[in-house]
Amino acid sequence: MKKKRAFEPIVRAIIIHNGHLLVNSWTDGYTFLPGGKVENGETLEKALLREMKEELGQKVNVGSVAYFVENIFKQNRKYKHEYGWYFRTTVKRFLKLDECIINPDHDDLIIHYIPLHKLSSIDLRPRILRDHLIRDFHAQFKHNPRHLVAFK
């Protein structure tokens, strides 16, 4: 009998303001872009709009897809396979660059901006995004969308 595969579709927002990237960071761990799971029956754009309303409390403008990321990793001794669509997204003024807020999904999750030039020293997941985000930002995302594969 074949093992049942668990593919998880997710959407994430790439929100850059004055050379800073909006992220979620666990207080004792890694960092990732805002967004989340796509629910059954939802389009990718509707899922991202819902997630941003839940996390940021406001409507965003969903732009083009910058990355499609296959993220294969181990969690709780089981392999997970995420399919992630990462959209260039804009939001009206949300936070000051030195401000942070608690993510409504979890008390240990902080939403804040990090300078793009410090991205290489951050535990951003999936890690493959670090180099691509910096390079593509400076190239104004001319060569996107990109298909990236991350194994951990």
N, C-alpha and C. Protein backbone atom coordinates (compact mmCIF):
# COMPACT_ATOMS: atom_id res chain seq x y z
N MET A 1 0.84 -1.17 0.00
CA MET A 1 0.00 0.00 0.00
C MET A 1 0.89 1.25 0.00
N LYS A 2 0.56 2.23 -0.85
CA LYS A 2 1.32 3.45 -0.92
C LYS A 2 0.96 4.36 0.24
N LYS A 3 1.98 5.10 0.72
CA LYS A 3 1.74 6.09 1.76
C LYS A 3 0.97 7.26 1.18
N LYS A 4 0.05 7.78 1.95
CA LYS A 4 -0.69 8.96 1.53
C LYS A 4 0.25 10.16 1.59
N ARG A 5 0.29 10.95 0.50
CA ARG A 5 1.12 12.13 0.47
C ARG A 5 0.33 13.33 0.99
N ALA A 6 1.04 14.19 1.66
CA ALA A 6 0.41 15.40 2.18
C ALA A 6 1.06 16.61 1.52
N PHE A 7 0.41 17.14 0.50
CA PHE A 7 0.87 18.36 -0.13
C PHE A 7 0.08 19.51 0.50
N GLU A 8 0.79 20.54 0.84
CA GLU A 8 0.13 21.66 1.51
C GLU A 8 0.31 22.93 0.69
N PRO A 9 -0.77 23.46 0.12
CA PRO A 9 -0.65 24.72 -0.62
C PRO A 9 -0.66 25.91 0.35
N ILE A 10 0.29 26.81 0.16
CA ILE A 10 0.36 28.02 0.99
C ILE A 10 0.55 29.24 0.10
N VAL A 11 0.23 30.39 0.65
CA VAL A 11 0.48 31.67 -0.01
C VAL A 11 1.24 32.55 0.97
N ARG A 12 2.14 33.35 0.43
CA ARG A 12 2.93 34.27 1.26
C ARG A 12 3.01 35.62 0.55
N ALA A 13 3.15 36.66 1.35
CA ALA A 13 3.23 38.03 0.84
C ALA A 13 4.67 38.53 0.94
N ILE A 14 5.16 39.08 -0.14
CA ILE A 14 6.44 39.77 -0.14
C ILE A 14 6.11 41.26 -0.06
N ILE A 15 6.26 41.81 1.14
CA ILE A 15 5.95 43.22 1.38
C ILE A 15 7.25 43.93 1.72
N ILE A 16 7.68 44.79 0.82
CA ILE A 16 8.94 45.52 1.00
C ILE A 16 8.62 47.00 1.07
N HIS A 17 9.15 47.65 2.12
CA HIS A 17 8.93 49.08 2.32
C HIS A 17 10.27 49.72 2.68
N ASN A 18 10.69 50.67 1.88
CA ASN A 18 11.97 51.38 2.12
C ASN A 18 13.13 50.43 2.38
N GLY A 19 13.25 49.39 1.57
CA GLY A 19 14.36 48.45 1.71
C GLY A 19 14.24 47.50 2.89
N HIS A 20 13.05 47.38 3.46
CA HIS A 20 12.78 46.49 4.59
C HIS A 20 11.69 45.50 4.20
N LEU A 21 11.84 44.28 4.67
CA LEU A 21 10.92 43.19 4.38
C LEU A 21 10.07 42.89 5.60
N LEU A 22 8.75 42.78 5.40
CA LEU A 22 7.85 42.44 6.50
C LEU A 22 7.87 40.94 6.72
N VAL A 23 8.09 40.52 7.98
CA VAL A 23 8.22 39.10 8.31
C VAL A 23 7.49 38.78 9.61
N ASN A 24 7.30 37.48 9.81
CA ASN A 24 6.89 36.91 11.09
C ASN A 24 8.11 36.23 11.68
N SER A 25 8.35 36.43 12.96
CA SER A 25 9.47 35.75 13.62
C SER A 25 8.99 35.11 14.91
N TRP A 26 9.35 33.83 15.08
CA TRP A 26 9.11 33.19 16.37
C TRP A 26 10.09 33.78 17.36
N THR A 27 9.64 34.06 18.58
CA THR A 27 10.52 34.71 19.56
C THR A 27 11.75 33.87 19.87
N ASP A 28 11.67 32.56 19.71
CA ASP A 28 12.82 31.69 20.01
C ASP A 28 13.24 30.89 18.78
N GLY A 29 12.97 31.41 17.58
CA GLY A 29 13.27 30.58 16.42
C GLY A 29 13.37 31.33 15.11
N TYR A 30 12.84 30.72 14.07
CA TYR A 30 13.03 31.17 12.71
C TYR A 30 12.03 32.25 12.28
N THR A 31 12.26 32.75 11.07
CA THR A 31 11.48 33.84 10.48
C THR A 31 10.88 33.36 9.17
N PHE A 32 9.70 33.86 8.82
CA PHE A 32 9.06 33.51 7.55
C PHE A 32 8.18 34.68 7.12
N LEU A 33 7.77 34.64 5.86
CA LEU A 33 6.93 35.72 5.33
C LEU A 33 5.49 35.54 5.77
N PRO A 34 4.75 36.64 5.88
CA PRO A 34 3.34 36.54 6.29
C PRO A 34 2.51 35.79 5.26
N GLY A 35 1.50 35.11 5.73
CA GLY A 35 0.61 34.33 4.87
C GLY A 35 0.23 33.04 5.57
N GLY A 36 -0.21 32.06 4.79
CA GLY A 36 -0.60 30.80 5.40
C GLY A 36 -1.22 29.84 4.40
N LYS A 37 -1.98 28.91 4.94
CA LYS A 37 -2.56 27.83 4.14
C LYS A 37 -3.71 28.30 3.28
N VAL A 38 -3.81 27.68 2.12
CA VAL A 38 -4.94 27.91 1.23
C VAL A 38 -6.04 26.93 1.65
N GLU A 39 -7.23 27.45 1.89
CA GLU A 39 -8.35 26.59 2.28
C GLU A 39 -9.01 26.00 1.03
N ASN A 40 -9.67 24.86 1.21
CA ASN A 40 -10.37 24.23 0.09
C ASN A 40 -11.36 25.21 -0.52
N GLY A 41 -11.36 25.28 -1.85
CA GLY A 41 -12.28 26.14 -2.56
C GLY A 41 -11.83 27.58 -2.70
N GLU A 42 -10.68 27.93 -2.14
CA GLU A 42 -10.17 29.29 -2.23
C GLU A 42 -9.21 29.44 -3.41
N THR A 43 -9.26 30.58 -4.08
CA THR A 43 -8.22 30.89 -5.04
C THR A 43 -6.99 31.35 -4.26
N LEU A 44 -5.85 31.37 -4.92
CA LEU A 44 -4.63 31.82 -4.26
C LEU A 44 -4.76 33.26 -3.79
N GLU A 45 -5.30 34.11 -4.65
CA GLU A 45 -5.44 35.52 -4.29
C GLU A 45 -6.39 35.71 -3.11
N LYS A 46 -7.52 35.00 -3.13
CA LYS A 46 -8.46 35.13 -2.00
C LYS A 46 -7.84 34.62 -0.70
N ALA A 47 -7.06 33.57 -0.79
CA ALA A 47 -6.38 33.04 0.40
C ALA A 47 -5.41 34.07 0.96
N LEU A 48 -4.66 34.72 0.08
CA LEU A 48 -3.69 35.72 0.56
C LEU A 48 -4.42 36.94 1.14
N LEU A 49 -5.49 37.36 0.50
CA LEU A 49 -6.27 38.48 1.05
C LEU A 49 -6.82 38.14 2.43
N ARG A 50 -7.33 36.91 2.60
CA ARG A 50 -7.86 36.48 3.90
C ARG A 50 -6.76 36.44 4.95
N GLU A 51 -5.63 35.82 4.58
CA GLU A 51 -4.52 35.70 5.54
C GLU A 51 -4.00 37.08 5.98
N MET A 52 -3.91 38.02 5.04
CA MET A 52 -3.41 39.35 5.40
C MET A 52 -4.42 40.11 6.26
N LYS A 53 -5.70 39.89 6.01
CA LYS A 53 -6.72 40.50 6.86
C LYS A 53 -6.62 39.94 8.28
N GLU A 54 -6.40 38.62 8.39
CA GLU A 54 -6.28 37.98 9.70
C GLU A 54 -5.00 38.42 10.42
N GLU A 55 -3.88 38.46 9.71
CA GLU A 55 -2.61 38.76 10.36
C GLU A 55 -2.35 40.25 10.54
N LEU A 56 -2.66 41.04 9.50
CA LEU A 56 -2.33 42.46 9.53
C LEU A 56 -3.53 43.33 9.87
N GLY A 57 -4.73 42.76 9.77
CA GLY A 57 -5.93 43.52 10.07
C GLY A 57 -6.32 44.50 8.99
N GLN A 58 -5.79 44.31 7.79
CA GLN A 58 -6.16 45.23 6.71
C GLN A 58 -6.05 44.58 5.35
N LYS A 59 -6.64 45.25 4.38
CA LYS A 59 -6.63 44.78 3.01
C LYS A 59 -5.29 45.13 2.36
N VAL A 60 -4.82 44.23 1.51
CA VAL A 60 -3.58 44.45 0.78
C VAL A 60 -3.88 44.43 -0.71
N ASN A 61 -2.92 44.88 -1.50
CA ASN A 61 -3.00 44.76 -2.95
C ASN A 61 -2.08 43.63 -3.36
N VAL A 62 -2.67 42.58 -3.93
CA VAL A 62 -1.90 41.41 -4.35
C VAL A 62 -1.40 41.66 -5.76
N GLY A 63 -0.09 41.57 -5.93
CA GLY A 63 0.53 41.77 -7.23
C GLY A 63 0.85 40.44 -7.89
N SER A 64 1.92 40.43 -8.64
CA SER A 64 2.30 39.25 -9.40
C SER A 64 3.03 38.22 -8.53
N VAL A 65 3.03 36.99 -9.01
CA VAL A 65 3.77 35.92 -8.33
C VAL A 65 5.25 36.14 -8.58
N ALA A 66 6.02 36.18 -7.53
CA ALA A 66 7.48 36.31 -7.65
C ALA A 66 8.13 34.93 -7.62
N TYR A 67 7.60 34.03 -6.79
CA TYR A 67 8.19 32.70 -6.64
C TYR A 67 7.11 31.64 -6.49
N PHE A 68 7.40 30.48 -7.06
CA PHE A 68 6.67 29.27 -6.72
C PHE A 68 7.71 28.39 -6.05
N VAL A 69 7.50 28.07 -4.80
CA VAL A 69 8.51 27.34 -4.01
C VAL A 69 7.97 25.99 -3.59
N GLU A 70 8.70 24.95 -3.97
CA GLU A 70 8.44 23.61 -3.43
C GLU A 70 9.35 23.48 -2.22
N ASN A 71 8.78 23.38 -1.06
CA ASN A 71 9.54 23.31 0.18
C ASN A 71 9.32 21.93 0.80
N ILE A 72 10.37 21.13 0.82
CA ILE A 72 10.30 19.76 1.34
C ILE A 72 11.15 19.72 2.61
N PHE A 73 10.51 19.41 3.73
CA PHE A 73 11.22 19.46 5.00
C PHE A 73 10.62 18.44 5.97
N LYS A 74 11.35 18.20 7.05
CA LYS A 74 10.90 17.27 8.08
C LYS A 74 10.33 18.05 9.25
N GLN A 75 9.15 17.63 9.70
CA GLN A 75 8.52 18.24 10.87
C GLN A 75 7.91 17.12 11.68
N ASN A 76 8.26 17.06 12.94
CA ASN A 76 7.78 15.98 13.82
C ASN A 76 8.06 14.60 13.21
N ARG A 77 9.26 14.44 12.71
CA ARG A 77 9.75 13.18 12.13
C ARG A 77 9.01 12.73 10.87
N LYS A 78 8.23 13.62 10.27
CA LYS A 78 7.53 13.29 9.03
C LYS A 78 7.90 14.34 7.98
N TYR A 79 8.01 13.87 6.74
CA TYR A 79 8.29 14.81 5.66
C TYR A 79 7.02 15.55 5.27
N LYS A 80 7.18 16.85 5.04
CA LYS A 80 6.10 17.69 4.53
C LYS A 80 6.53 18.24 3.18
N HIS A 81 5.57 18.46 2.33
CA HIS A 81 5.84 19.01 1.00
C HIS A 81 4.87 20.17 0.79
N GLU A 82 5.41 21.39 0.93
CA GLU A 82 4.62 22.59 0.74
C GLU A 82 4.76 23.07 -0.70
N TYR A 83 3.66 23.50 -1.26
CA TYR A 83 3.67 24.23 -2.53
C TYR A 83 3.34 25.66 -2.14
N GLY A 84 4.27 26.57 -2.35
CA GLY A 84 4.08 27.95 -1.93
C GLY A 84 4.12 28.94 -3.07
N TRP A 85 3.11 29.80 -3.10
CA TRP A 85 3.08 30.90 -4.06
C TRP A 85 3.38 32.17 -3.28
N TYR A 86 4.43 32.87 -3.70
CA TYR A 86 4.91 34.08 -3.03
C TYR A 86 4.61 35.28 -3.93
N PHE A 87 3.70 36.12 -3.47
CA PHE A 87 3.21 37.25 -4.26
C PHE A 87 3.86 38.56 -3.82
N ARG A 88 4.24 39.37 -4.79
CA ARG A 88 4.61 40.74 -4.49
C ARG A 88 3.33 41.44 -4.04
N THR A 89 3.38 42.06 -2.90
CA THR A 89 2.18 42.59 -2.26
C THR A 89 2.46 43.98 -1.71
N THR A 90 1.48 44.84 -1.79
CA THR A 90 1.62 46.16 -1.17
C THR A 90 0.52 46.35 -0.14
N VAL A 91 0.83 47.15 0.84
CA VAL A 91 -0.10 47.44 1.92
C VAL A 91 0.07 48.91 2.27
N LYS A 92 -1.04 49.55 2.62
CA LYS A 92 -0.91 50.93 3.10
C LYS A 92 -0.08 50.90 4.37
N ARG A 93 0.41 52.02 4.76
CA ARG A 93 1.29 52.07 5.94
C ARG A 93 0.78 51.13 7.03
N PHE A 94 1.65 50.22 7.44
CA PHE A 94 1.25 49.20 8.41
C PHE A 94 1.96 49.40 9.73
N LEU A 95 3.26 49.31 9.70
CA LEU A 95 4.09 49.48 10.89
C LEU A 95 5.20 50.47 10.58
N LYS A 96 5.70 51.13 11.60
CA LYS A 96 6.95 51.88 11.44
C LYS A 96 8.05 50.84 11.31
N LEU A 97 9.13 51.21 10.65
CA LEU A 97 10.19 50.24 10.39
C LEU A 97 10.81 49.67 11.66
N ASP A 98 10.75 50.40 12.78
CA ASP A 98 11.34 49.90 14.03
C ASP A 98 10.29 49.37 15.01
N GLU A 99 9.07 49.20 14.53
CA GLU A 99 7.95 48.77 15.37
C GLU A 99 7.70 47.28 15.17
N CYS A 100 7.09 46.63 16.16
CA CYS A 100 6.66 45.25 16.00
C CYS A 100 5.35 45.04 16.74
N ILE A 101 4.60 44.03 16.28
CA ILE A 101 3.35 43.68 16.95
C ILE A 101 3.28 42.16 17.09
N ILE A 102 2.42 41.71 17.98
CA ILE A 102 2.19 40.28 18.17
C ILE A 102 1.26 39.81 17.06
N ASN A 103 1.60 38.69 16.43
CA ASN A 103 0.73 38.09 15.42
C ASN A 103 -0.51 37.54 16.13
N PRO A 104 -1.71 37.83 15.63
CA PRO A 104 -2.93 37.34 16.30
C PRO A 104 -3.06 35.82 16.32
N ASP A 105 -2.27 35.12 15.48
CA ASP A 105 -2.33 33.65 15.45
C ASP A 105 -1.61 33.00 16.63
N HIS A 106 -0.62 33.70 17.21
CA HIS A 106 0.17 33.08 18.28
C HIS A 106 0.92 34.15 19.07
N ASP A 107 0.92 34.03 20.38
CA ASP A 107 1.57 35.02 21.24
C ASP A 107 3.09 35.07 21.09
N ASP A 108 3.70 34.00 20.62
CA ASP A 108 5.16 33.95 20.46
C ASP A 108 5.61 34.29 19.05
N LEU A 109 4.71 34.86 18.25
CA LEU A 109 5.01 35.20 16.87
C LEU A 109 4.91 36.71 16.70
N ILE A 110 6.00 37.31 16.23
CA ILE A 110 6.09 38.77 16.12
C ILE A 110 6.14 39.18 14.65
N ILE A 111 5.36 40.19 14.30
CA ILE A 111 5.38 40.76 12.95
C ILE A 111 6.23 42.02 13.00
N HIS A 112 7.21 42.10 12.11
CA HIS A 112 8.10 43.26 12.10
C HIS A 112 8.82 43.35 10.76
N TYR A 113 9.52 44.45 10.54
CA TYR A 113 10.34 44.62 9.34
C TYR A 113 11.79 44.30 9.66
N ILE A 114 12.47 43.73 8.66
CA ILE A 114 13.93 43.56 8.77
C ILE A 114 14.55 44.21 7.53
N PRO A 115 15.71 44.84 7.70
CA PRO A 115 16.38 45.43 6.53
C PRO A 115 16.81 44.34 5.56
N LEU A 116 16.56 44.54 4.28
CA LEU A 116 16.96 43.54 3.29
C LEU A 116 18.45 43.24 3.34
N HIS A 117 19.27 44.25 3.63
CA HIS A 117 20.72 44.01 3.65
C HIS A 117 21.15 43.11 4.82
N LYS A 118 20.28 42.89 5.79
CA LYS A 118 20.58 41.98 6.90
C LYS A 118 19.95 40.60 6.73
N LEU A 119 19.30 40.39 5.60
CA LEU A 119 18.56 39.15 5.37
C LEU A 119 19.45 37.92 5.43
N SER A 120 20.70 38.03 4.99
CA SER A 120 21.59 36.86 4.98
C SER A 120 21.93 36.37 6.39
N SER A 121 21.75 37.20 7.39
CA SER A 121 22.05 36.78 8.77
C SER A 121 20.80 36.32 9.52
N ILE A 122 19.66 36.31 8.87
CA ILE A 122 18.39 35.91 9.49
C ILE A 122 18.07 34.47 9.10
N ASP A 123 17.47 33.72 10.01
CA ASP A 123 17.04 32.35 9.71
C ASP A 123 15.68 32.40 9.02
N LEU A 124 15.69 32.90 7.78
CA LEU A 124 14.47 33.00 6.99
C LEU A 124 14.19 31.65 6.35
N ARG A 125 12.95 31.20 6.45
CA ARG A 125 12.58 29.91 5.86
C ARG A 125 11.48 30.08 4.83
N PRO A 126 11.53 29.33 3.74
CA PRO A 126 12.64 28.48 3.35
C PRO A 126 13.88 29.30 3.03
N ARG A 127 15.03 28.74 3.38
CA ARG A 127 16.30 29.46 3.28
C ARG A 127 16.65 29.90 1.87
N ILE A 128 16.16 29.18 0.90
CA ILE A 128 16.46 29.50 -0.50
C ILE A 128 15.99 30.90 -0.88
N LEU A 129 15.04 31.46 -0.14
CA LEU A 129 14.53 32.79 -0.44
C LEU A 129 15.53 33.90 -0.15
N ARG A 130 16.43 33.69 0.80
CA ARG A 130 17.33 34.78 1.22
C ARG A 130 18.09 35.38 0.05
N ASP A 131 18.80 34.57 -0.68
CA ASP A 131 19.62 35.09 -1.78
C ASP A 131 18.75 35.61 -2.92
N HIS A 132 17.70 34.91 -3.23
CA HIS A 132 16.85 35.33 -4.35
C HIS A 132 16.14 36.64 -4.06
N LEU A 133 15.63 36.82 -2.87
CA LEU A 133 14.91 38.05 -2.54
C LEU A 133 15.80 39.28 -2.69
N ILE A 134 17.00 39.22 -2.18
CA ILE A 134 17.90 40.37 -2.26
C ILE A 134 18.24 40.67 -3.72
N ARG A 135 18.65 39.66 -4.45
CA ARG A 135 19.04 39.83 -5.85
C ARG A 135 17.86 40.31 -6.70
N ASP A 136 16.70 39.69 -6.52
CA ASP A 136 15.54 40.04 -7.33
C ASP A 136 15.00 41.43 -6.98
N PHE A 137 15.09 41.82 -5.73
CA PHE A 137 14.68 43.17 -5.34
C PHE A 137 15.53 44.20 -6.08
N HIS A 138 16.84 43.99 -6.08
CA HIS A 138 17.74 44.94 -6.75
C HIS A 138 17.53 44.94 -8.26
N ALA A 139 17.07 43.82 -8.82
CA ALA A 139 16.79 43.74 -10.26
C ALA A 139 15.32 44.10 -10.55
N GLN A 140 14.62 44.60 -9.54
CA GLN A 140 13.21 44.98 -9.64
C GLN A 140 12.33 43.81 -10.11
N PHE A 141 12.71 42.61 -9.71
CA PHE A 141 11.95 41.38 -10.00
C PHE A 141 11.73 41.18 -11.50
N LYS A 142 12.68 41.64 -12.32
CA LYS A 142 12.58 41.52 -13.78
C LYS A 142 12.56 40.08 -14.26
N HIS A 143 13.24 39.18 -13.56
CA HIS A 143 13.39 37.80 -14.02
C HIS A 143 12.42 36.85 -13.33
N ASN A 144 11.38 37.37 -12.76
CA ASN A 144 10.42 36.56 -12.04
C ASN A 144 9.17 36.36 -12.89
N PRO A 145 8.39 35.34 -12.65
CA PRO A 145 8.45 34.43 -11.50
C PRO A 145 9.55 33.37 -11.65
N ARG A 146 9.98 32.89 -10.51
CA ARG A 146 10.97 31.81 -10.44
C ARG A 146 10.37 30.60 -9.75
N HIS A 147 10.81 29.43 -10.16
CA HIS A 147 10.44 28.17 -9.50
C HIS A 147 11.65 27.76 -8.67
N LEU A 148 11.48 27.68 -7.36
CA LEU A 148 12.56 27.31 -6.45
C LEU A 148 12.20 26.02 -5.74
N VAL A 149 13.22 25.20 -5.46
CA VAL A 149 13.01 23.97 -4.72
C VAL A 149 13.91 23.99 -3.50
N ALA A 150 13.32 23.80 -2.34
CA ALA A 150 14.05 23.82 -1.07
C ALA A 150 13.92 22.46 -0.38
N PHE A 151 15.07 21.85 -0.08
CA PHE A 151 15.09 20.58 0.67
C PHE A 151 15.74 20.84 2.01
N LYS A 152 15.16 20.32 3.05
CA LYS A 152 15.80 20.42 4.36
C LYS A 152 15.62 19.11 5.08
